[in-house]
Protein backbone atom coordinates (compact mmCIF):
# COMPACT_ATOMS: atom_id res chain seq x y z
CA MET A 1 -40.94 75.96 -44.23
CA ASP A 2 -41.67 74.32 -47.50
CA GLU A 3 -38.32 75.16 -48.62
CA LYS A 4 -36.69 73.16 -45.58
CA LYS A 5 -38.78 70.17 -46.56
CA SER A 6 -37.72 70.27 -50.36
CA GLU A 7 -33.88 70.37 -49.40
CA LYS A 8 -34.17 67.49 -47.22
CA LYS A 9 -36.19 65.35 -50.10
CA ASP A 10 -33.57 66.29 -52.90
CA SER A 11 -30.78 63.97 -52.62
CA PHE A 12 -27.11 64.69 -53.55
CA LEU A 13 -27.41 62.90 -56.84
CA LYS A 14 -30.78 64.58 -57.54
CA ARG A 15 -29.24 68.00 -56.97
CA VAL A 16 -26.48 67.26 -59.26
CA TRP A 17 -28.93 66.47 -61.82
CA LEU A 18 -31.05 69.61 -61.32
CA SER A 19 -27.96 71.79 -61.34
CA ILE A 20 -27.04 70.40 -64.79
CA LYS A 21 -30.63 70.30 -66.26
CA CYS A 22 -33.09 72.76 -64.48
CA PHE A 23 -32.23 76.36 -64.69
CA GLU A 24 -35.65 76.78 -62.96
CA LYS A 25 -33.97 75.59 -59.64
CA TYR A 26 -31.20 77.99 -59.51
CA GLN A 27 -33.54 80.64 -57.73
CA GLU A 28 -34.16 78.19 -55.00
CA PHE A 29 -30.27 77.34 -54.79
CA ALA A 30 -29.65 81.32 -54.60
CA MET A 31 -31.73 81.48 -51.09
CA GLU A 32 -30.26 78.15 -49.50
CA LYS A 33 -27.64 78.32 -46.62
CA ILE A 34 -24.18 78.62 -47.45
CA ALA A 35 -23.84 75.61 -45.42
CA ASN A 36 -25.75 73.47 -47.83
CA SER A 37 -23.64 74.84 -50.68
CA LEU A 38 -20.57 73.94 -49.29
CA LYS A 39 -21.51 70.26 -48.05
CA TYR A 40 -22.44 69.84 -51.98
CA ILE A 41 -19.13 71.49 -53.31
CA PHE A 42 -17.51 69.04 -50.93
CA LEU A 43 -19.08 66.20 -52.41
CA LEU A 44 -18.68 67.19 -56.13
CA VAL A 45 -14.74 67.65 -55.14
CA LEU A 46 -14.57 64.28 -53.32
CA ILE A 47 -15.92 62.67 -56.96
CA PHE A 48 -13.05 64.50 -58.85
CA VAL A 49 -10.60 63.56 -56.51
CA PHE A 50 -11.77 60.01 -56.74
CA PHE A 51 -11.57 60.03 -60.37
CA ILE A 52 -7.83 61.70 -59.81
CA SER A 53 -7.02 58.97 -57.39
CA ILE A 54 -7.76 56.11 -59.74
CA SER A 55 -5.90 57.65 -62.37
CA MET A 56 -2.69 58.25 -60.26
CA THR A 57 -3.31 54.62 -59.07
CA TYR A 58 -3.79 53.13 -62.61
CA LYS A 59 -0.62 55.24 -63.74
CA ILE A 60 1.49 53.61 -61.06
CA TYR A 61 0.16 50.28 -61.69
CA THR A 62 1.13 50.42 -65.24
CA LEU A 63 4.51 51.71 -64.36
CA GLU A 64 5.21 48.74 -61.88
CA ASN A 65 4.33 46.41 -64.49
CA LYS A 66 6.78 47.76 -66.75
CA ALA A 67 9.23 47.99 -64.13
CA ILE A 68 8.75 44.67 -63.13
CA LYS A 69 8.91 43.23 -66.55
CA TYR A 70 12.15 44.90 -67.15
CA TYR A 71 13.28 43.90 -63.70
CA ASN A 72 12.91 40.40 -64.53
CA GLU A 73 14.44 40.71 -68.29
CA ASN A 74 17.45 42.74 -67.34
CA ILE A 75 18.39 42.52 -64.03
CA PRO A 76 20.72 39.64 -62.90
CA ASN A 77 20.38 37.37 -59.95
CA PHE A 78 21.20 38.99 -56.78
CA THR A 79 21.39 38.19 -52.94
CA TYR A 80 21.24 40.53 -49.62
CA ALA A 81 22.27 38.97 -46.36
CA ASP A 82 24.33 40.77 -43.46
CA GLY A 83 24.21 44.17 -45.07
CA ILE A 84 26.25 42.99 -48.07
CA LEU A 85 24.50 42.89 -51.70
CA LYS A 86 26.09 40.75 -54.24
CA PHE A 87 25.14 40.49 -57.78
CA GLU A 88 26.04 37.41 -60.28
CA GLN A 89 27.74 40.08 -62.46
CA ASN A 90 30.63 41.78 -61.37
CA GLU A 91 30.89 44.19 -63.92
CA PRO A 92 29.15 47.61 -63.58
CA ILE A 93 25.41 47.89 -64.76
CA ILE A 94 24.15 51.25 -66.08
CA ILE A 95 20.60 51.94 -66.91
CA GLN A 96 19.47 55.02 -68.27
CA ASN A 97 17.12 56.60 -70.78
CA ASN A 98 14.78 53.95 -70.60
CA GLU A 99 11.39 54.53 -71.80
CA ASP A 100 10.04 52.37 -69.17
CA ILE A 101 11.72 53.63 -66.42
CA ASN A 102 12.36 57.24 -65.87
CA ILE A 103 15.50 56.98 -63.29
CA LYS A 104 19.23 56.35 -63.76
CA ILE A 105 20.30 53.23 -62.27
CA ILE A 106 23.96 52.23 -61.68
CA ILE A 107 24.88 48.86 -60.07
CA ASP A 108 28.37 48.06 -58.75
CA THR A 109 28.99 45.77 -56.07
CA SER A 110 32.69 45.51 -56.37
CA ASP A 111 35.12 46.78 -53.29
CA THR A 112 34.69 50.68 -54.20
CA GLY A 113 36.96 53.13 -52.30
CA GLN A 114 36.23 56.82 -51.40
CA ALA A 115 37.26 58.40 -54.88
CA LYS A 116 34.89 55.90 -56.92
CA LEU A 117 32.07 56.97 -54.56
CA ASP A 118 32.75 60.67 -54.82
CA ASP A 119 32.74 59.98 -58.65
CA TYR A 120 29.41 58.34 -58.71
CA LYS A 121 28.06 61.21 -56.39
CA SER A 122 29.24 63.80 -58.91
CA ASP A 123 27.77 61.78 -61.55
CA ILE A 124 24.10 61.50 -60.28
CA VAL A 125 23.91 64.85 -58.67
CA LYS A 126 23.00 66.45 -62.26
CA GLU A 127 19.95 63.73 -62.43
CA ALA A 128 16.40 64.43 -61.93
CA ASN A 129 16.14 60.72 -60.30
CA ALA A 130 19.00 58.60 -59.84
CA ILE A 131 20.13 55.32 -57.74
CA VAL A 132 23.57 53.73 -57.32
CA LEU A 133 23.40 50.40 -55.69
CA LEU A 134 27.04 49.32 -54.24
CA LYS A 135 28.20 46.88 -51.84
CA ASP A 136 27.23 47.79 -48.55
CA LYS A 137 25.09 51.14 -49.65
CA MET A 138 23.21 52.90 -51.65
CA LEU A 139 23.37 56.53 -52.85
CA LEU A 140 19.70 58.19 -53.92
CA LYS A 141 19.02 61.51 -55.87
CA THR A 142 15.33 62.59 -56.42
CA GLU A 143 13.99 65.76 -57.97
CA MET A 144 12.80 66.57 -54.47
CA LEU A 145 16.67 66.47 -53.37
CA SER A 146 19.00 68.90 -54.50
CA THR A 147 21.68 66.84 -53.07
CA VAL A 148 22.79 62.92 -52.95
CA THR A 149 21.65 60.93 -50.04
CA GLU A 150 23.84 58.17 -48.78
CA THR A 151 22.71 55.49 -46.47
CA THR A 152 23.38 51.81 -45.82
CA TYR A 153 21.34 48.61 -46.56
CA GLN A 154 21.09 47.67 -42.60
CA ASP A 155 19.78 51.33 -41.70
CA PHE A 156 17.54 51.49 -44.77
CA LEU A 157 15.88 47.79 -44.82
CA GLY A 158 16.08 47.44 -40.92
CA GLN A 159 13.43 50.00 -40.81
CA TYR A 160 11.23 47.00 -42.47
CA ASP A 161 13.00 44.20 -40.56
CA ILE A 162 14.31 43.07 -44.01
CA GLN A 163 17.53 40.65 -43.19
CA LYS A 164 17.78 38.59 -46.01
CA LEU A 165 16.60 39.27 -49.91
CA ASP A 166 17.09 38.11 -53.48
CA LYS A 167 15.35 38.44 -56.93
CA ASN A 168 12.87 36.12 -56.40
CA ILE A 169 11.55 37.51 -52.95
CA ILE A 170 11.26 40.93 -54.41
CA ASN A 171 9.65 39.53 -57.81
CA GLU A 172 6.87 37.55 -55.47
CA TYR A 173 6.30 40.82 -53.14
CA PHE A 174 5.07 42.75 -56.45
CA THR A 175 2.94 40.20 -58.16
CA GLY A 176 -0.71 38.88 -56.62
CA GLN A 177 -2.47 39.92 -53.56
CA ASN A 178 0.50 42.31 -52.39
CA ILE A 179 0.55 44.15 -55.73
CA PHE A 180 -3.15 44.83 -55.07
CA THR A 181 -2.39 45.81 -51.41
CA ILE A 182 0.30 48.38 -52.50
CA ASN A 183 -2.12 50.17 -55.19
CA ALA A 184 -5.15 49.92 -52.58
CA VAL A 185 -2.75 51.80 -49.96
CA MET A 186 -1.36 54.40 -52.72
CA PHE A 187 -5.13 54.97 -53.74
CA PHE A 188 -6.05 56.26 -50.09
CA MET A 189 -2.90 57.91 -49.85
CA PHE A 190 -3.73 60.17 -53.30
CA LEU A 191 -7.23 60.41 -52.09
CA ILE A 192 -6.46 61.70 -48.69
CA TYR A 193 -3.71 63.83 -49.93
CA PHE A 194 -5.66 65.73 -52.90
CA LEU A 195 -8.99 66.04 -51.14
CA PRO A 196 -8.13 69.26 -49.28
CA ILE A 197 -6.05 70.72 -52.02
CA TYR A 198 -8.51 70.41 -54.46
CA PHE A 199 -11.25 71.51 -52.14
CA ILE A 200 -9.61 74.46 -51.45
CA THR A 201 -8.58 75.32 -54.89
CA THR A 202 -12.28 74.69 -55.99
CA LEU A 203 -13.43 77.08 -53.31
CA LEU A 204 -11.24 80.01 -54.80
CA ASP A 205 -12.50 79.30 -58.23
CA VAL A 206 -16.26 79.39 -56.80
CA PHE A 207 -15.34 82.88 -54.91
CA ILE A 208 -13.68 84.27 -58.67
CA PHE A 209 -16.91 83.23 -60.35
CA ALA A 210 -18.99 84.43 -57.94
CA ILE A 211 -17.58 87.80 -58.23
CA LEU A 212 -17.91 87.66 -61.83
CA SER A 213 -21.64 86.43 -61.18
CA PHE A 214 -21.89 89.41 -58.83
CA ILE A 215 -20.70 92.16 -61.43
CA THR A 216 -23.08 90.20 -64.07
CA CYS A 217 -26.25 90.78 -61.75
CA ARG A 218 -25.32 94.37 -61.59
CA ILE A 219 -24.96 94.67 -65.43
CA PHE A 220 -28.19 92.98 -65.59
CA GLY A 221 -29.85 95.55 -62.97
CA MET A 222 -30.52 92.90 -60.15
CA LYS A 223 -29.23 93.38 -56.62
CA VAL A 224 -28.04 89.76 -55.52
CA ARG A 225 -26.47 89.41 -52.40
CA MET A 226 -23.04 87.80 -52.40
CA THR A 227 -24.10 84.47 -50.67
CA ALA A 228 -26.70 84.17 -52.89
CA ASN A 229 -24.10 84.40 -56.09
CA PHE A 230 -21.87 82.14 -54.34
CA ASN A 231 -24.59 79.53 -54.12
CA ILE A 232 -25.43 79.88 -57.74
CA VAL A 233 -22.03 79.40 -58.72
CA VAL A 234 -21.52 76.31 -56.83
CA HIS A 235 -24.45 74.48 -58.79
CA ALA A 236 -23.20 76.11 -62.15
CA ILE A 237 -19.77 74.39 -61.49
CA THR A 238 -21.45 71.01 -61.36
CA LEU A 239 -21.13 70.05 -65.10
CA PRO A 240 -17.59 71.22 -65.64
CA ILE A 241 -16.07 69.38 -62.51
CA LEU A 242 -17.80 66.09 -63.67
CA LEU A 243 -16.75 66.54 -67.21
CA ASN A 244 -13.02 67.08 -65.73
CA SER A 245 -13.55 63.93 -63.61
CA ILE A 246 -14.16 62.07 -66.65
CA TYR A 247 -11.50 63.92 -68.67
CA VAL A 248 -8.79 62.88 -66.24
CA LEU A 249 -9.84 59.31 -66.17
CA PHE A 250 -9.77 59.29 -69.99
CA ASN A 251 -6.43 61.11 -70.34
CA SER A 252 -4.73 58.25 -67.77
CA ILE A 253 -5.92 55.36 -69.98
CA THR A 254 -5.64 57.08 -73.44
CA GLY A 255 -3.03 59.46 -72.84
CA ILE A 256 -4.89 61.71 -74.86
CA TYR A 257 -4.66 65.45 -74.15
CA ILE A 258 -7.35 67.98 -75.04
CA GLU A 259 -5.54 71.13 -75.20
CA TYR A 260 -8.30 74.14 -74.76
CA PHE A 261 -10.18 71.88 -71.78
CA GLN A 262 -9.39 74.36 -69.22
CA VAL A 263 -11.01 76.81 -71.53
CA MET A 264 -13.85 74.90 -71.87
CA TYR A 265 -14.18 74.50 -68.38
CA ILE A 266 -14.19 78.08 -67.85
CA GLY A 267 -16.81 78.63 -70.27
CA ILE A 268 -19.49 76.42 -69.51
CA THR A 269 -19.28 77.58 -65.88
CA TYR A 270 -19.80 81.28 -66.99
CA ILE A 271 -22.49 80.18 -69.50
CA TYR A 272 -24.48 78.35 -66.83
CA ILE A 273 -24.23 81.39 -64.53
CA ILE A 274 -25.42 83.86 -66.89
CA THR A 275 -28.34 81.37 -67.99
CA ALA A 276 -29.14 81.34 -64.37
CA ILE A 277 -28.93 84.64 -63.99
CA LEU A 278 -31.39 85.16 -66.74
CA MET A 279 -33.60 82.48 -65.60
CA ILE A 280 -33.93 84.29 -62.33
CA ARG A 281 -34.23 87.67 -63.66
CA SER A 282 -37.27 86.45 -65.73
CA ASN A 283 -38.93 84.78 -62.83
CA LEU A 284 -38.35 88.07 -60.77
CA ILE A 285 -40.48 90.00 -63.55
CA LYS A 286 -42.99 87.55 -63.84
CA GLN A 287 -43.60 87.52 -59.89
CA GLN A 288 -43.56 91.52 -60.18
CA MET A 289 -46.27 91.49 -62.89
CA GLU A 290 -48.18 88.57 -60.98
CA ILE A 291 -48.04 90.97 -57.89
CA GLY A 292 -49.06 93.94 -59.78
CA LYS A 293 -51.85 92.03 -61.11
CA ILE A 294 -52.86 91.30 -57.38
CA ILE A 295 -52.23 94.85 -56.51
CA GLU A 296 -55.01 95.93 -59.24
CA GLU A 297 -57.26 93.25 -58.42
CA GLN A 298 -57.05 94.61 -54.79
CA LYS A 299 -57.72 98.28 -56.02
CA LYS A 300 -60.66 97.06 -57.82
CA ILE A 301 -61.89 94.72 -54.92
CA LYS A 302 -61.62 97.52 -52.57
CA LYS A 303 -63.39 100.24 -55.28
CA GLU A 304 -66.14 97.65 -55.52
CA ILE A 305 -66.68 97.31 -51.77
CA LYS A 306 -66.48 101.17 -51.16
CA GLU A 307 -69.11 101.56 -53.89
CA ASN A 308 -71.20 98.55 -52.48
CA GLU A 309 -70.73 100.63 -49.16
CA GLU A 310 -71.86 104.00 -50.56
CA THR A 311 -75.01 102.08 -52.35
CA ARG A 312 -76.00 100.66 -49.22
CA ASN A 313 -75.62 104.06 -47.20
CA GLU A 314 -77.70 105.57 -50.11
CA ASN A 315 -80.25 102.83 -49.73
CA LYS A 316 -80.30 103.36 -46.03
CA ASP A 317 -80.86 107.09 -46.36
CA ILE A 318 -83.78 106.56 -48.92
CA ASN A 319 -85.08 103.80 -46.57
CA LYS A 320 -84.75 106.14 -43.74
CA ASP A 321 -86.75 109.13 -45.71
CA GLU A 322 -89.54 106.85 -46.52
CA LYS A 323 -89.73 105.59 -43.00
CA ASN A 324 -89.51 109.19 -41.92
CA LYS A 325 -92.60 110.31 -44.59
CA LYS A 326 -94.45 107.27 -43.34
CA GLU A 327 -94.29 108.12 -39.70
CA GLU A 328 -95.06 111.86 -40.67
CA LYS A 329 -98.26 110.68 -42.80
CA LYS A 330 -99.22 108.53 -40.10
CA GLU A 331 -98.65 111.09 -37.50
CA LYS A 332 -100.90 113.24 -39.66
CA ASP A 333 -103.41 110.99 -40.08
CA THR A 334 -103.70 110.30 -36.47
CA LYS A 335 -104.07 114.21 -36.01
CA GLU A 336 -106.71 114.18 -38.55
CA ARG A 337 -108.84 111.51 -36.78
CA SER A 338 -108.44 112.97 -33.33
CA GLY A 339 -109.75 116.49 -35.02
CA GLU A 340 -112.95 114.72 -36.32
CA LEU A 341 -113.45 112.68 -32.93
CA GLU A 342 -113.59 115.84 -31.23
CA GLY A 343 -116.23 117.52 -33.67
CA ASP A 344 -118.63 114.68 -33.15
CA ASN A 345 -118.13 115.03 -29.65
CA ALA A 346 -119.12 118.84 -29.93
C-alpha cells in the first residue's frame, strides 16, 4: 500500500532526478509494475525526440535561409502562367557543387526537343539530387528514386491550385509568418515520425541491457527476475538519454561531433546498472542481517518466556507442597485436639 502511494506521489521529473542521483531507490524501481516503467521510458524518449525534432528543424531552417539568399542573388527573374515557365535569361543555367545547396539545378526554358530532353535525363540520373526546370515541365531525381521523374507544371502546381508564379511571390512565401508555419509543420512531422522509431529502438536497447543485467546479477549470486532487471535498466538509461538529447542539440548548432559518444552512452548505462545491482545486493545483505538479528531476538524471548514458565511452574509446585504440608499439619493438629478432648471426657 505504501509503495503504491509513493509511486503516485513521485512525478516524472522527480523520478528522473531519483534515477540519476539516488541508487537507493533502484530496489523500489525494480519491484514496480512493467506498465510504470514503459510509461517512464516513453516520456524519456519523447524528450529525446523533442530535441531531435528541434535539431532537424533548425538544420532545415538554416538551409532554407541559405537557399533563399542564394535564390535572391543568383536566380534571374521569372514568370509562370498557363503552364509555361519563362526566365529573363534565355541561356541555360546550371547550378552544381554549391556548398549551400546539395542539389544539381538546370534551368532551360528554351524550346527543347525529345533529344535534348533525353540528354538531360541521362545527365541527372547519375546525380543523388537534381532538378531540371524546362519550359512546360520539370525533371526530378532524388536519392530515394533510382529513375528520373517527369511531370508538367500544370500537374504539379495544379495540386496546390497555383496558376501564377514569379520570383517575388516565392520570396514572400518563404519569409515572415509563412516560414514560421512551414518550420512548425516540419517540427511536428519529425516528432510524429521519429517517436515510434526511437521508442522501439530504445526498448530494444533496454532488453539487451536487461539481459546483461540478468547475467551480472547471476555473477553476484543474486536471483533477480527479468522484469526487475528491465525496470532497473529503464531507470539506469535515464542519464545517457538526457545527455544524448543535449548532444544532438549541441551538434546541430555547433556542428561538433564527439567520436566516442556512443561508447560513453553504453558505458554510463552499464555503470549505473552495476552500481544499482551492488546497492540492491548490499541492501539485501543488510535486510538478511536484520532478519537474522530479529530471529535471534525472537529465540531469546522464547527462551526467556520458557524459563519464566518453568520458574512459575516450579513456584507453583513449591507453593503446592507447602500448602499440602500446612494442610497435613492442620489435619494432624485437629486429630491431636480431638484425641485430647476424648481423654478429658473419659
